[in-house]
C-alpha cells in the first residue's frame, strides 16, 4: 500500500463501520444524513471487518483519536464497534462513540464490553427534544427518553464524559433551553454540540417533518445559546450556518474551510474499499469527487476559496432556497442571509 502523504498528518478519525446507511440503522430518522448510502450500496452492502481496522491503523500512523459513528449509529452494530475499538486501544489510540441512545444500558454494555474505560474520551448522545412525541417523530420510531437517560447515567457512573448533541429543526427549534437545563442541572453535564438540521440530507427531499430553521430565527437562537454558555460556564459548539451580509464578507476573507487544509481530520466509510473524505457533507453529496480510496491515493478535488462550496446550494432546502437568489435568502424584514459551511462555528469555553 502506498501511503498518501496527506494522511500522515491525520490525528482524528470519524469512522462509519459499514455502508448500510439509514436502511441498516435501528432508527429511521427522517433527516438522516446517511440516506444516500442505503441507495448507493443496495447491491454491495458491507459490514466492516477487523482486517480493515488493521489497514486503517497502518494507513494513519499518527492517529490519536477514533470517533465511532457506527453503521451509522453505534447501537446498530455494538459488537463490531466493541471489537474494532479494542484494536484501536491496543494500538494506543483513544476512542469515542456516537449514539442515539436507543437500546439504553444493554447496548452500551455491548459497546464497552471488556474495553479499557479509561481509553474512552467521551460518548455523544443525540437528543433533539425532551418531549417523547417530538423525539419519536425525529427518530422515526418510538423512542423513550427514559432509556436514553439510563444510558447516560450508566456512562457517568463509569466516569465516562458525556456530550449531548441536539439537532435543531423547526419542529424542535425552541427545545434547546429545556435540553440544556435538564442535563446541566440534573446530571452536571456541561458539554453540548448543536447542529442545525441534517443539511446535506436535503438533497433527497426526505420528509415534510424536517423543515429547516429559518436564518433569522437561527441567528436569534445562536445568540441565546451563546449567552447561556457564558452564563452557565458550558462547553458548547454553535454552528453559524447563516450569516448576515456584513459578517459574510469577513467569513469569506478569514475562514479556512475544514476540507481545504486537510491537516488533522478524516472520515472513513468501511465499504469493500475503504473510502475517505475530508468533508462528510461533500463526501456524501458528491462521493465520486470528494471521496477517495485511502489505499490507492487521493483524487480529492479542491475548490477555490473564492468559489461558493458546491454543497451550499443544498443547504437551505426547497423551503428557503430559490433559483433566483441562488446562494442567499432575503427575509421578510429585508435582511440578506448567506448559508455558510456547517463547520464554521463558535466554540465557547473550549
C-alpha atoms as a PDB file:
ATOM      1  CA  UNK A   1       0.000   0.000   0.000  1.00  0.00           C
ATOM      2  CA  UNK A   2       1.386   3.403  -0.959  1.00  0.00           C
ATOM      3  CA  UNK A   3       0.799   5.776   1.921  1.00  0.00           C
ATOM      4  CA  UNK A   4      -0.702   9.115   0.964  1.00  0.00           C
ATOM      5  CA  UNK A   5       1.405  11.988   2.259  1.00  0.00           C
ATOM      6  CA  UNK A   6      -1.641  13.978   3.291  1.00  0.00           C
ATOM      7  CA  UNK A   7      -2.814  11.124   5.545  1.00  0.00           C
ATOM      8  CA  UNK A   8       0.315  11.025   7.665  1.00  0.00           C
ATOM      9  CA  UNK A   9      -0.842  14.191   9.449  1.00  0.00           C
ATOM     10  CA  UNK A  10      -4.261  12.769  10.367  1.00  0.00           C
ATOM     11  CA  UNK A  11      -4.791  12.655  14.136  1.00  0.00           C
ATOM     12  CA  UNK A  12      -8.598  12.388  14.314  1.00  0.00           C
ATOM     13  CA  UNK A  13     -10.756   9.832  12.555  1.00  0.00           C
ATOM     14  CA  UNK A  14     -14.539   9.615  12.259  1.00  0.00           C
ATOM     15  CA  UNK A  15     -15.465   6.059  11.362  1.00  0.00           C
ATOM     16  CA  UNK A  16     -18.607   4.622   9.786  1.00  0.00           C
ATOM     17  CA  UNK A  17     -18.219   0.902  10.440  1.00  0.00           C
ATOM     18  CA  UNK A  18     -20.175  -0.170   7.377  1.00  0.00           C
ATOM     19  CA  UNK A  19     -22.184   1.159   4.454  1.00  0.00           C
ATOM     20  CA  UNK A  20     -25.738   0.047   5.219  1.00  0.00           C
ATOM     21  CA  UNK A  21     -26.676   3.629   5.980  1.00  0.00           C
ATOM     22  CA  UNK A  22     -30.197   4.517   7.030  1.00  0.00           C
ATOM     23  CA  UNK A  23     -31.582   1.205   5.783  1.00  0.00           C
ATOM     24  CA  UNK A  24     -29.450  -0.692   8.288  1.00  0.00           C
ATOM     25  CA  UNK A  25     -29.952   1.525  11.322  1.00  0.00           C
ATOM     26  CA  UNK A  26     -32.143   0.836  14.352  1.00  0.00           C
ATOM     27  CA  UNK A  27     -33.599   4.330  13.991  1.00  0.00           C
ATOM     28  CA  UNK A  28     -35.462   5.720  10.995  1.00  0.00           C
ATOM     29  CA  UNK A  29     -34.710   9.424  11.311  1.00  0.00           C
ATOM     30  CA  UNK A  30     -36.425  11.364   8.511  1.00  0.00           C
ATOM     31  CA  UNK A  31     -33.471  13.771   8.488  1.00  0.00           C
ATOM     32  CA  UNK A  32     -30.804  11.057   8.329  1.00  0.00           C
ATOM     33  CA  UNK A  33     -27.574  12.123   6.637  1.00  0.00           C
ATOM     34  CA  UNK A  34     -26.907   8.548   5.525  1.00  0.00           C
ATOM     35  CA  UNK A  35     -29.890   8.184   3.193  1.00  0.00           C
ATOM     36  CA  UNK A  36     -27.615   8.100   0.138  1.00  0.00           C
ATOM     37  CA  UNK A  37     -25.733   5.077   1.412  1.00  0.00           C
ATOM     38  CA  UNK A  38     -28.758   2.816   1.624  1.00  0.00           C
ATOM     39  CA  UNK A  39     -29.478   3.602  -2.014  1.00  0.00           C
ATOM     40  CA  UNK A  40     -25.962   3.775  -3.391  1.00  0.00           C
ATOM     41  CA  UNK A  41     -24.878   0.427  -1.978  1.00  0.00           C
ATOM     42  CA  UNK A  42     -28.096  -1.506  -2.431  1.00  0.00           C
ATOM     43  CA  UNK A  43     -26.264  -4.414  -4.076  1.00  0.00           C
ATOM     44  CA  UNK A  44     -22.901  -4.091  -2.351  1.00  0.00           C
ATOM     45  CA  UNK A  45     -23.688  -3.642   1.317  1.00  0.00           C
ATOM     46  CA  UNK A  46     -20.722  -4.282   3.507  1.00  0.00           C
ATOM     47  CA  UNK A  47     -20.113  -4.552   7.228  1.00  0.00           C
ATOM     48  CA  UNK A  48     -16.576  -3.546   8.082  1.00  0.00           C
ATOM     49  CA  UNK A  49     -14.006  -6.137   9.082  1.00  0.00           C
ATOM     50  CA  UNK A  50     -11.257  -6.258  11.689  1.00  0.00           C
ATOM     51  CA  UNK A  51      -8.771  -6.636   8.819  1.00  0.00           C
ATOM     52  CA  UNK A  52      -9.902  -3.227   7.563  1.00  0.00           C
ATOM     53  CA  UNK A  53      -9.393  -1.755  11.026  1.00  0.00           C
ATOM     54  CA  UNK A  54      -5.798  -3.013  10.881  1.00  0.00           C
ATOM     55  CA  UNK A  55      -5.431  -1.410   7.445  1.00  0.00           C
ATOM     56  CA  UNK A  56      -6.687   1.909   8.817  1.00  0.00           C
ATOM     57  CA  UNK A  57      -4.162   1.774  11.659  1.00  0.00           C
ATOM     58  CA  UNK A  58      -1.346   1.187   9.165  1.00  0.00           C
ATOM     59  CA  UNK A  59      -2.561   3.956   6.882  1.00  0.00           C
ATOM     60  CA  UNK A  60      -2.885   6.563   9.639  1.00  0.00           C
ATOM     61  CA  UNK A  61       0.376   6.217  11.600  1.00  0.00           C
ATOM     62  CA  UNK A  62      -0.141   9.403  13.642  1.00  0.00           C
ATOM     63  CA  UNK A  63      -3.754   8.804  14.570  1.00  0.00           C
ATOM     64  CA  UNK A  64      -4.687   9.691  18.159  1.00  0.00           C
ATOM     65  CA  UNK A  65      -8.499   9.538  18.335  1.00  0.00           C
ATOM     66  CA  UNK A  66     -11.115   7.379  16.626  1.00  0.00           C
ATOM     67  CA  UNK A  67     -14.738   8.548  16.777  1.00  0.00           C
ATOM     68  CA  UNK A  68     -17.170   5.711  16.089  1.00  0.00           C
ATOM     69  CA  UNK A  69     -20.387   6.712  14.360  1.00  0.00           C
ATOM     70  CA  UNK A  70     -21.204   3.071  13.773  1.00  0.00           C
ATOM     71  CA  UNK A  71     -23.283   1.883  10.865  1.00  0.00           C
ATOM     72  CA  UNK A  72     -24.348   4.704  11.064  1.00  0.00           C
ATOM     73  CA  UNK A  73     -25.120   4.573  14.810  1.00  0.00           C
ATOM     74  CA  UNK A  74     -23.127   2.522  17.338  1.00  0.00           C
ATOM     75  CA  UNK A  75     -26.370   0.954  18.551  1.00  0.00           C
ATOM     76  CA  UNK A  76     -26.693  -0.659  15.108  1.00  0.00           C
ATOM     77  CA  UNK A  77     -23.546  -2.775  15.368  1.00  0.00           C
ATOM     78  CA  UNK A  78     -22.354  -2.557  19.000  1.00  0.00           C
ATOM     79  CA  UNK A  79     -20.440  -5.859  18.950  1.00  0.00           C
ATOM     80  CA  UNK A  80     -18.336  -4.862  15.947  1.00  0.00           C
ATOM     81  CA  UNK A  81     -17.777  -1.378  17.386  1.00  0.00           C
ATOM     82  CA  UNK A  82     -16.529  -3.084  20.534  1.00  0.00           C
ATOM     83  CA  UNK A  83     -14.096  -5.354  18.681  1.00  0.00           C
ATOM     84  CA  UNK A  84     -12.830  -2.530  16.492  1.00  0.00           C
ATOM     85  CA  UNK A  85     -12.393  -0.115  19.387  1.00  0.00           C
ATOM     86  CA  UNK A  86     -10.376  -2.717  21.304  1.00  0.00           C
ATOM     87  CA  UNK A  87      -7.909  -2.897  18.429  1.00  0.00           C
ATOM     88  CA  UNK A  88      -7.577   0.888  18.362  1.00  0.00           C
ATOM     89  CA  UNK A  89      -6.988   0.965  22.117  1.00  0.00           C
ATOM     90  CA  UNK A  90      -4.427  -1.858  21.921  1.00  0.00           C
ATOM     91  CA  UNK A  91      -2.545   0.361  19.485  1.00  0.00           C
ATOM     92  CA  UNK A  92      -2.539   3.322  21.863  1.00  0.00           C
ATOM     93  CA  UNK A  93      -5.487   5.254  20.422  1.00  0.00           C
ATOM     94  CA  UNK A  94      -8.380   6.875  22.253  1.00  0.00           C
ATOM     95  CA  UNK A  95     -11.939   6.070  21.205  1.00  0.00           C
ATOM     96  CA  UNK A  96     -15.226   7.968  21.293  1.00  0.00           C
ATOM     97  CA  UNK A  97     -18.738   6.818  20.458  1.00  0.00           C
ATOM     98  CA  UNK A  98     -21.813   8.475  18.998  1.00  0.00           C
ATOM     99  CA  UNK A  99     -25.258   7.034  19.630  1.00  0.00           C
ATOM    100  CA  UNK A 100     -28.935   7.901  19.615  1.00  0.00           C
ATOM    101  CA  UNK A 101     -29.082   6.084  22.941  1.00  0.00           C
ATOM    102  CA  UNK A 102     -31.611   3.600  21.619  1.00  0.00           C
ATOM    103  CA  UNK A 103     -31.379   0.310  23.490  1.00  0.00           C
ATOM    104  CA  UNK A 104     -30.212   2.046  26.654  1.00  0.00           C
ATOM    105  CA  UNK A 105     -27.792   0.334  29.029  1.00  0.00           C
ATOM    106  CA  UNK A 106     -27.802  -3.156  27.381  1.00  0.00           C
ATOM    107  CA  UNK A 107     -26.474  -1.705  24.123  1.00  0.00           C
ATOM    108  CA  UNK A 108     -23.826   0.370  25.898  1.00  0.00           C
ATOM    109  CA  UNK A 109     -22.666  -2.735  27.777  1.00  0.00           C
ATOM    110  CA  UNK A 110     -22.092  -4.453  24.430  1.00  0.00           C
ATOM    111  CA  UNK A 111     -20.066  -1.480  23.162  1.00  0.00           C
ATOM    112  CA  UNK A 112     -17.958  -1.230  26.333  1.00  0.00           C
ATOM    113  CA  UNK A 113     -17.544  -4.980  26.955  1.00  0.00           C
ATOM    114  CA  UNK A 114     -14.020  -5.624  28.353  1.00  0.00           C
ATOM    115  CA  UNK A 115     -12.864  -2.305  26.886  1.00  0.00           C
ATOM    116  CA  UNK A 116     -10.481  -0.158  28.912  1.00  0.00           C
ATOM    117  CA  UNK A 117     -12.894   2.517  30.147  1.00  0.00           C
ATOM    118  CA  UNK A 118     -10.030   4.989  30.610  1.00  0.00           C
ATOM    119  CA  UNK A 119      -9.456   4.971  26.849  1.00  0.00           C
ATOM    120  CA  UNK A 120     -12.976   6.279  26.135  1.00  0.00           C
ATOM    121  CA  UNK A 121     -12.721  10.061  25.762  1.00  0.00           C
ATOM    122  CA  UNK A 122     -16.494  10.542  25.676  1.00  0.00           C
ATOM    123  CA  UNK A 123     -19.847   9.254  24.473  1.00  0.00           C
ATOM    124  CA  UNK A 124     -22.056  11.586  22.455  1.00  0.00           C
ATOM    125  CA  UNK A 125     -25.838  11.185  22.769  1.00  0.00           C
ATOM    126  CA  UNK A 126     -28.124  12.568  20.072  1.00  0.00           C
ATOM    127  CA  UNK A 127     -31.102  14.094  21.889  1.00  0.00           C
ATOM    128  CA  UNK A 128     -33.295  16.535  19.988  1.00  0.00           C
ATOM    129  CA  UNK A 129     -36.166  17.075  22.423  1.00  0.00           C
ATOM    130  CA  UNK A 130     -37.258  16.200  25.948  1.00  0.00           C
ATOM    131  CA  UNK A 131     -40.755  15.623  24.545  1.00  0.00           C
ATOM    132  CA  UNK A 132     -41.232  11.914  23.759  1.00  0.00           C
ATOM    133  CA  UNK A 133     -43.668  12.623  20.897  1.00  0.00           C
ATOM    134  CA  UNK A 134     -41.327  15.035  19.122  1.00  0.00           C
ATOM    135  CA  UNK A 135     -38.307  12.817  19.720  1.00  0.00           C
ATOM    136  CA  UNK A 136     -40.235   9.865  18.265  1.00  0.00           C
ATOM    137  CA  UNK A 137     -41.063  11.888  15.134  1.00  0.00           C
ATOM    138  CA  UNK A 138     -37.439  12.937  14.655  1.00  0.00           C
ATOM    139  CA  UNK A 139     -36.035   9.452  15.326  1.00  0.00           C
ATOM    140  CA  UNK A 140     -38.676   7.746  13.161  1.00  0.00           C
ATOM    141  CA  UNK A 141     -39.737   5.230  15.808  1.00  0.00           C
ATOM    142  CA  UNK A 142     -40.937   5.025  19.402  1.00  0.00           C
ATOM    143  CA  UNK A 143     -38.103   6.463  21.365  1.00  0.00           C
ATOM    144  CA  UNK A 144     -38.475   6.504  25.179  1.00  0.00           C
ATOM    145  CA  UNK A 145     -36.214   9.217  26.541  1.00  0.00           C
ATOM    146  CA  UNK A 146     -36.083   7.353  29.858  1.00  0.00           C
ATOM    147  CA  UNK A 147     -33.962   4.577  28.327  1.00  0.00           C
ATOM    148  CA  UNK A 148     -31.548   7.144  26.882  1.00  0.00           C
ATOM    149  CA  UNK A 149     -31.252   8.836  30.256  1.00  0.00           C
ATOM    150  CA  UNK A 150     -30.495   5.481  31.901  1.00  0.00           C
ATOM    151  CA  UNK A 151     -27.667   5.041  29.379  1.00  0.00           C
ATOM    152  CA  UNK A 152     -26.303   8.477  30.214  1.00  0.00           C
ATOM    153  CA  UNK A 153     -26.423   7.649  33.931  1.00  0.00           C
ATOM    154  CA  UNK A 154     -24.550   4.408  33.208  1.00  0.00           C
ATOM    155  CA  UNK A 155     -21.746   6.322  31.427  1.00  0.00           C
ATOM    156  CA  UNK A 156     -21.491   8.918  34.171  1.00  0.00           C
ATOM    157  CA  UNK A 157     -21.285   6.187  36.839  1.00  0.00           C
ATOM    158  CA  UNK A 158     -18.299   4.801  34.934  1.00  0.00           C
ATOM    159  CA  UNK A 159     -16.764   8.292  34.875  1.00  0.00           C
ATOM    160  CA  UNK A 160     -17.059   8.437  31.098  1.00  0.00           C
ATOM    161  CA  UNK A 161     -17.583  12.050  29.913  1.00  0.00           C
ATOM    162  CA  UNK A 162     -20.915  12.629  28.170  1.00  0.00           C
ATOM    163  CA  UNK A 163     -21.722  15.100  25.414  1.00  0.00           C
ATOM    164  CA  UNK A 164     -25.288  15.970  24.362  1.00  0.00           C
ATOM    165  CA  UNK A 165     -25.703  16.615  20.652  1.00  0.00           C
ATOM    166  CA  UNK A 166     -29.080  18.071  19.610  1.00  0.00           C
ATOM    167  CA  UNK A 167     -30.104  18.640  16.002  1.00  0.00           C
ATOM    168  CA  UNK A 168     -32.463  21.577  15.657  1.00  0.00           C
ATOM    169  CA  UNK A 169     -35.312  21.699  13.138  1.00  0.00           C
ATOM    170  CA  UNK A 170     -38.365  23.959  13.084  1.00  0.00           C
ATOM    171  CA  UNK A 171     -40.373  21.337  14.964  1.00  0.00           C
ATOM    172  CA  UNK A 172     -37.998  21.444  17.950  1.00  0.00           C
ATOM    173  CA  UNK A 173     -36.407  24.861  17.481  1.00  0.00           C
ATOM    174  CA  UNK A 174     -37.304  26.017  20.997  1.00  0.00           C
ATOM    175  CA  UNK A 175     -36.200  22.825  22.761  1.00  0.00           C
ATOM    176  CA  UNK A 176     -32.607  23.882  23.416  1.00  0.00           C
ATOM    177  CA  UNK A 177     -33.321  25.609  26.740  1.00  0.00           C
ATOM    178  CA  UNK A 178     -35.079  22.567  28.201  1.00  0.00           C
ATOM    179  CA  UNK A 179     -32.350  20.189  26.986  1.00  0.00           C
ATOM    180  CA  UNK A 180     -29.550  22.286  28.466  1.00  0.00           C
ATOM    181  CA  UNK A 181     -31.374  22.939  31.741  1.00  0.00           C
ATOM    182  CA  UNK A 182     -32.325  19.284  32.256  1.00  0.00           C
ATOM    183  CA  UNK A 183     -28.898  17.765  31.682  1.00  0.00           C
ATOM    184  CA  UNK A 184     -26.815  20.524  33.221  1.00  0.00           C
ATOM    185  CA  UNK A 185     -28.993  20.822  36.354  1.00  0.00           C
ATOM    186  CA  UNK A 186     -29.754  17.133  36.971  1.00  0.00           C
ATOM    187  CA  UNK A 187     -26.559  15.471  35.753  1.00  0.00           C
ATOM    188  CA  UNK A 188     -23.923  18.191  35.753  1.00  0.00           C
ATOM    189  CA  UNK A 189     -23.339  17.806  32.005  1.00  0.00           C
ATOM    190  CA  UNK A 190     -21.673  20.891  30.611  1.00  0.00           C
ATOM    191  CA  UNK A 191     -20.855  19.866  27.062  1.00  0.00           C
ATOM    192  CA  UNK A 192     -23.281  20.449  24.184  1.00  0.00           C
ATOM    193  CA  UNK A 193     -22.761  20.435  20.423  1.00  0.00           C
ATOM    194  CA  UNK A 194     -25.598  21.809  18.310  1.00  0.00           C
ATOM    195  CA  UNK A 195     -26.419  21.114  14.673  1.00  0.00           C
ATOM    196  CA  UNK A 196     -28.996  22.852  12.505  1.00  0.00           C
ATOM    197  CA  UNK A 197     -30.793  20.185  10.533  1.00  0.00           C
ATOM    198  CA  UNK A 198     -29.022  17.476   8.588  1.00  0.00           C
ATOM    199  CA  UNK A 199     -28.085  19.983   5.955  1.00  0.00           C
ATOM    200  CA  UNK A 200     -26.551  17.570   3.470  1.00  0.00           C
ATOM    201  CA  UNK A 201     -29.647  15.380   3.558  1.00  0.00           C
ATOM    202  CA  UNK A 202     -31.981  17.876   1.917  1.00  0.00           C
ATOM    203  CA  UNK A 203     -30.843  16.681  -1.491  1.00  0.00           C
ATOM    204  CA  UNK A 204     -33.272  13.797  -1.070  1.00  0.00           C
ATOM    205  CA  UNK A 205     -36.311  15.902  -0.078  1.00  0.00           C
ATOM    206  CA  UNK A 206     -36.830  13.242   2.554  1.00  0.00           C
ATOM    207  CA  UNK A 207     -39.630  14.464   4.777  1.00  0.00           C
ATOM    208  CA  UNK A 208     -42.254  17.095   5.430  1.00  0.00           C
ATOM    209  CA  UNK A 209     -41.350  16.777   9.139  1.00  0.00           C
ATOM    210  CA  UNK A 210     -37.865  18.200   8.783  1.00  0.00           C
ATOM    211  CA  UNK A 211     -38.139  21.855   7.866  1.00  0.00           C
ATOM    212  CA  UNK A 212     -35.011  23.883   8.394  1.00  0.00           C
ATOM    213  CA  UNK A 213     -34.837  26.644  10.968  1.00  0.00           C
ATOM    214  CA  UNK A 214     -35.068  29.927   9.090  1.00  0.00           C
ATOM    215  CA  UNK A 215     -31.961  32.124   9.058  1.00  0.00           C
ATOM    216  CA  UNK A 216     -33.256  34.991  11.197  1.00  0.00           C
ATOM    217  CA  UNK A 217     -34.629  32.517  13.771  1.00  0.00           C
ATOM    218  CA  UNK A 218     -31.364  30.575  13.924  1.00  0.00           C
ATOM    219  CA  UNK A 219     -29.327  33.737  14.434  1.00  0.00           C
ATOM    220  CA  UNK A 220     -31.600  34.570  17.386  1.00  0.00           C
ATOM    221  CA  UNK A 221     -31.210  31.041  18.795  1.00  0.00           C
ATOM    222  CA  UNK A 222     -27.429  31.082  18.377  1.00  0.00           C
ATOM    223  CA  UNK A 223     -27.229  34.396  20.251  1.00  0.00           C
ATOM    224  CA  UNK A 224     -29.243  32.905  23.117  1.00  0.00           C
ATOM    225  CA  UNK A 225     -27.084  29.768  23.149  1.00  0.00           C
ATOM    226  CA  UNK A 226     -24.022  31.971  23.370  1.00  0.00           C
ATOM    227  CA  UNK A 227     -25.477  33.768  26.404  1.00  0.00           C
ATOM    228  CA  UNK A 228     -26.458  30.501  28.108  1.00  0.00           C
ATOM    229  CA  UNK A 229     -22.989  29.032  27.584  1.00  0.00           C
ATOM    230  CA  UNK A 230     -21.300  32.033  29.140  1.00  0.00           C
ATOM    231  CA  UNK A 231     -23.803  32.266  31.987  1.00  0.00           C
ATOM    232  CA  UNK A 232     -23.616  28.574  32.922  1.00  0.00           C
ATOM    233  CA  UNK A 233     -19.934  28.107  32.010  1.00  0.00           C
ATOM    234  CA  UNK A 234     -20.867  25.412  29.500  1.00  0.00           C
ATOM    235  CA  UNK A 235     -18.653  23.954  26.818  1.00  0.00           C
ATOM    236  CA  UNK A 236     -20.647  24.490  23.658  1.00  0.00           C
ATOM    237  CA  UNK A 237     -20.268  24.439  19.888  1.00  0.00           C
ATOM    238  CA  UNK A 238     -22.681  26.576  17.890  1.00  0.00           C
ATOM    239  CA  UNK A 239     -22.639  26.492  14.074  1.00  0.00           C
ATOM    240  CA  UNK A 240     -23.172  29.811  12.322  1.00  0.00           C
ATOM    241  CA  UNK A 241     -24.872  28.203   9.256  1.00  0.00           C
ATOM    242  CA  UNK A 242     -26.316  31.555   8.170  1.00  0.00           C
ATOM    243  CA  UNK A 243     -24.573  34.940   8.239  1.00  0.00           C
ATOM    244  CA  UNK A 244     -25.841  38.439   7.604  1.00  0.00           C
ATOM    245  CA  UNK A 245     -24.257  40.264   4.705  1.00  0.00           C
ATOM    246  CA  UNK A 246     -21.632  42.272   6.628  1.00  0.00           C
ATOM    247  CA  UNK A 247     -20.396  39.191   8.530  1.00  0.00           C
ATOM    248  CA  UNK A 248     -20.459  37.072   5.388  1.00  0.00           C
ATOM    249  CA  UNK A 249     -17.694  39.065   3.704  1.00  0.00           C
ATOM    250  CA  UNK A 250     -15.495  38.713   6.787  1.00  0.00           C
ATOM    251  CA  UNK A 251     -16.174  34.971   6.652  1.00  0.00           C
ATOM    252  CA  UNK A 252     -15.022  34.779   3.021  1.00  0.00           C
ATOM    253  CA  UNK A 253     -11.892  36.703   3.913  1.00  0.00           C
ATOM    254  CA  UNK A 254     -10.827  34.907   7.082  1.00  0.00           C
ATOM    255  CA  UNK A 255     -12.362  31.437   7.229  1.00  0.00           C
ATOM    256  CA  UNK A 256     -10.230  28.428   6.314  1.00  0.00           C
ATOM    257  CA  UNK A 257     -12.632  25.611   5.407  1.00  0.00           C
ATOM    258  CA  UNK A 258     -12.037  22.284   7.113  1.00  0.00           C
ATOM    259  CA  UNK A 259     -11.946  20.436   3.810  1.00  0.00           C
ATOM    260  CA  UNK A 260      -9.229  22.658   2.373  1.00  0.00           C
ATOM    261  CA  UNK A 261      -6.446  22.471   4.909  1.00  0.00           C
ATOM    262  CA  UNK A 262      -6.874  18.689   5.390  1.00  0.00           C
ATOM    263  CA  UNK A 263      -4.367  18.653   8.203  1.00  0.00           C
ATOM    264  CA  UNK A 264      -5.923  16.657  11.018  1.00  0.00           C
ATOM    265  CA  UNK A 265      -9.364  15.131  10.434  1.00  0.00           C
ATOM    266  CA  UNK A 266     -10.593  12.368   8.153  1.00  0.00           C
ATOM    267  CA  UNK A 267     -13.870  10.491   7.693  1.00  0.00           C
ATOM    268  CA  UNK A 268     -13.830   6.861   6.551  1.00  0.00           C
ATOM    269  CA  UNK A 269     -16.688   4.685   5.366  1.00  0.00           C
ATOM    270  CA  UNK A 270     -15.878   0.984   5.615  1.00  0.00           C
ATOM    271  CA  UNK A 271     -17.027  -0.147   2.205  1.00  0.00           C
ATOM    272  CA  UNK A 272     -15.355  -3.065   0.441  1.00  0.00           C
ATOM    273  CA  UNK A 273     -12.698  -0.490  -0.385  1.00  0.00           C
ATOM    274  CA  UNK A 274     -12.103   1.941   2.445  1.00  0.00           C
ATOM    275  CA  UNK A 275     -13.437   5.314   1.336  1.00  0.00           C
ATOM    276  CA  UNK A 276     -12.192   8.539   2.897  1.00  0.00           C
ATOM    277  CA  UNK A 277     -13.222  12.178   2.722  1.00  0.00           C
ATOM    278  CA  UNK A 278     -12.054  15.420   4.296  1.00  0.00           C
ATOM    279  CA  UNK A 279     -15.622  16.742   4.408  1.00  0.00           C
ATOM    280  CA  UNK A 280     -18.537  14.453   5.317  1.00  0.00           C
ATOM    281  CA  UNK A 281     -21.071  16.726   3.606  1.00  0.00           C
ATOM    282  CA  UNK A 282     -19.255  16.863   0.279  1.00  0.00           C
ATOM    283  CA  UNK A 283     -18.306  13.199   0.563  1.00  0.00           C
ATOM    284  CA  UNK A 284     -21.959  12.256   0.933  1.00  0.00           C
ATOM    285  CA  UNK A 285     -23.333  14.593  -1.737  1.00  0.00           C
ATOM    286  CA  UNK A 286     -20.566  14.046  -4.303  1.00  0.00           C
ATOM    287  CA  UNK A 287     -18.876  10.721  -3.471  1.00  0.00           C
ATOM    288  CA  UNK A 288     -17.121  10.453  -6.836  1.00  0.00           C
ATOM    289  CA  UNK A 289     -15.470  13.848  -6.479  1.00  0.00           C
ATOM    290  CA  UNK A 290     -14.913  14.410  -2.782  1.00  0.00           C
ATOM    291  CA  UNK A 291     -14.123  10.929  -1.500  1.00  0.00           C
ATOM    292  CA  UNK A 292     -11.266   8.601  -2.311  1.00  0.00           C
ATOM    293  CA  UNK A 293      -9.911   5.105  -1.798  1.00  0.00           C
ATOM    294  CA  UNK A 294      -7.404   5.502   1.039  1.00  0.00           C
ATOM    295  CA  UNK A 295      -5.296   2.595  -0.234  1.00  0.00           C
ATOM    296  CA  UNK A 296      -4.667   3.947  -3.733  1.00  0.00           C
ATOM    297  CA  UNK A 297      -4.454   7.677  -3.228  1.00  0.00           C
ATOM    298  CA  UNK A 298      -6.487  10.844  -3.289  1.00  0.00           C
ATOM    299  CA  UNK A 299      -8.303  12.257  -6.285  1.00  0.00           C
ATOM    300  CA  UNK A 300      -9.925  14.725  -3.946  1.00  0.00           C
ATOM    301  CA  UNK A 301     -10.766  17.937  -5.802  1.00  0.00           C
ATOM    302  CA  UNK A 302     -10.278  21.282  -4.119  1.00  0.00           C
ATOM    303  CA  UNK A 303     -12.456  24.244  -4.944  1.00  0.00           C
ATOM    304  CA  UNK A 304     -11.079  27.735  -4.917  1.00  0.00           C
ATOM    305  CA  UNK A 305     -11.694  29.616  -1.676  1.00  0.00           C
ATOM    306  CA  UNK A 306     -13.438  32.429  -3.539  1.00  0.00           C
ATOM    307  CA  UNK A 307     -15.882  29.930  -5.010  1.00  0.00           C
ATOM    308  CA  UNK A 308     -19.087  29.018  -3.204  1.00  0.00           C
ATOM    309  CA  UNK A 309     -18.878  25.476  -1.806  1.00  0.00           C
ATOM    310  CA  UNK A 310     -20.803  23.098  -4.103  1.00  0.00           C
ATOM    311  CA  UNK A 311     -22.786  21.837  -1.104  1.00  0.00           C
ATOM    312  CA  UNK A 312     -24.161  25.296  -0.315  1.00  0.00           C
ATOM    313  CA  UNK A 313     -26.963  25.129  -2.883  1.00  0.00           C
ATOM    314  CA  UNK A 314     -28.488  22.228  -0.943  1.00  0.00           C
ATOM    315  CA  UNK A 315     -28.175  23.793   2.480  1.00  0.00           C
ATOM    316  CA  UNK A 316     -31.402  25.784   2.564  1.00  0.00           C
ATOM    317  CA  UNK A 317     -33.703  23.111   1.173  1.00  0.00           C
ATOM    318  CA  UNK A 318     -36.680  23.687  -1.093  1.00  0.00           C
ATOM    319  CA  UNK A 319     -38.474  25.741   1.541  1.00  0.00           C
ATOM    320  CA  UNK A 320     -35.853  28.500   1.635  1.00  0.00           C
ATOM    321  CA  UNK A 321     -33.755  28.071  -1.478  1.00  0.00           C
ATOM    322  CA  UNK A 322     -34.804  29.685  -4.754  1.00  0.00           C
ATOM    323  CA  UNK A 323     -33.130  29.631  -8.136  1.00  0.00           C
ATOM    324  CA  UNK A 324     -33.489  33.405  -8.315  1.00  0.00           C
ATOM    325  CA  UNK A 325     -31.430  34.169  -5.236  1.00  0.00           C
ATOM    326  CA  UNK A 326     -29.076  31.229  -5.707  1.00  0.00           C
ATOM    327  CA  UNK A 327     -26.852  31.342  -2.637  1.00  0.00           C
ATOM    328  CA  UNK A 328     -28.684  33.790  -0.394  1.00  0.00           C
ATOM    329  CA  UNK A 329     -32.009  34.233   1.333  1.00  0.00           C
ATOM    330  CA  UNK A 330     -33.850  37.517   1.903  1.00  0.00           C
ATOM    331  CA  UNK A 331     -36.104  37.641   4.946  1.00  0.00           C
ATOM    332  CA  UNK A 332     -39.417  39.448   5.249  1.00  0.00           C
ATOM    333  CA  UNK A 333     -37.586  42.225   7.075  1.00  0.00           C
ATOM    334  CA  UNK A 334     -35.340  42.760   4.057  1.00  0.00           C
ATOM    335  CA  UNK A 335     -32.176  41.361   5.634  1.00  0.00           C
ATOM    336  CA  UNK A 336     -29.961  39.240   3.417  1.00  0.00           C
ATOM    337  CA  UNK A 337     -28.588  35.986   4.813  1.00  0.00           C
ATOM    338  CA  UNK A 338     -25.996  33.690   3.268  1.00  0.00           C
ATOM    339  CA  UNK A 339     -25.587  29.983   4.036  1.00  0.00           C
ATOM    340  CA  UNK A 340     -22.032  29.077   5.048  1.00  0.00           C
ATOM    341  CA  UNK A 341     -20.013  25.965   5.792  1.00  0.00           C
ATOM    342  CA  UNK A 342     -21.528  23.846   8.569  1.00  0.00           C
ATOM    343  CA  UNK A 343     -18.103  23.636  10.200  1.00  0.00           C
ATOM    344  CA  UNK A 344     -17.896  27.404  10.607  1.00  0.00           C
ATOM    345  CA  UNK A 345     -18.832  27.595  14.260  1.00  0.00           C
ATOM    346  CA  UNK A 346     -18.224  29.271  17.576  1.00  0.00           C
ATOM    347  CA  UNK A 347     -16.661  27.176  20.327  1.00  0.00           C
ATOM    348  CA  UNK A 348     -17.268  28.541  23.805  1.00  0.00           C
ATOM    349  CA  UNK A 349     -15.146  27.594  26.819  1.00  0.00           C
ATOM    350  CA  UNK A 350     -13.078  25.116  24.800  1.00  0.00           C
END
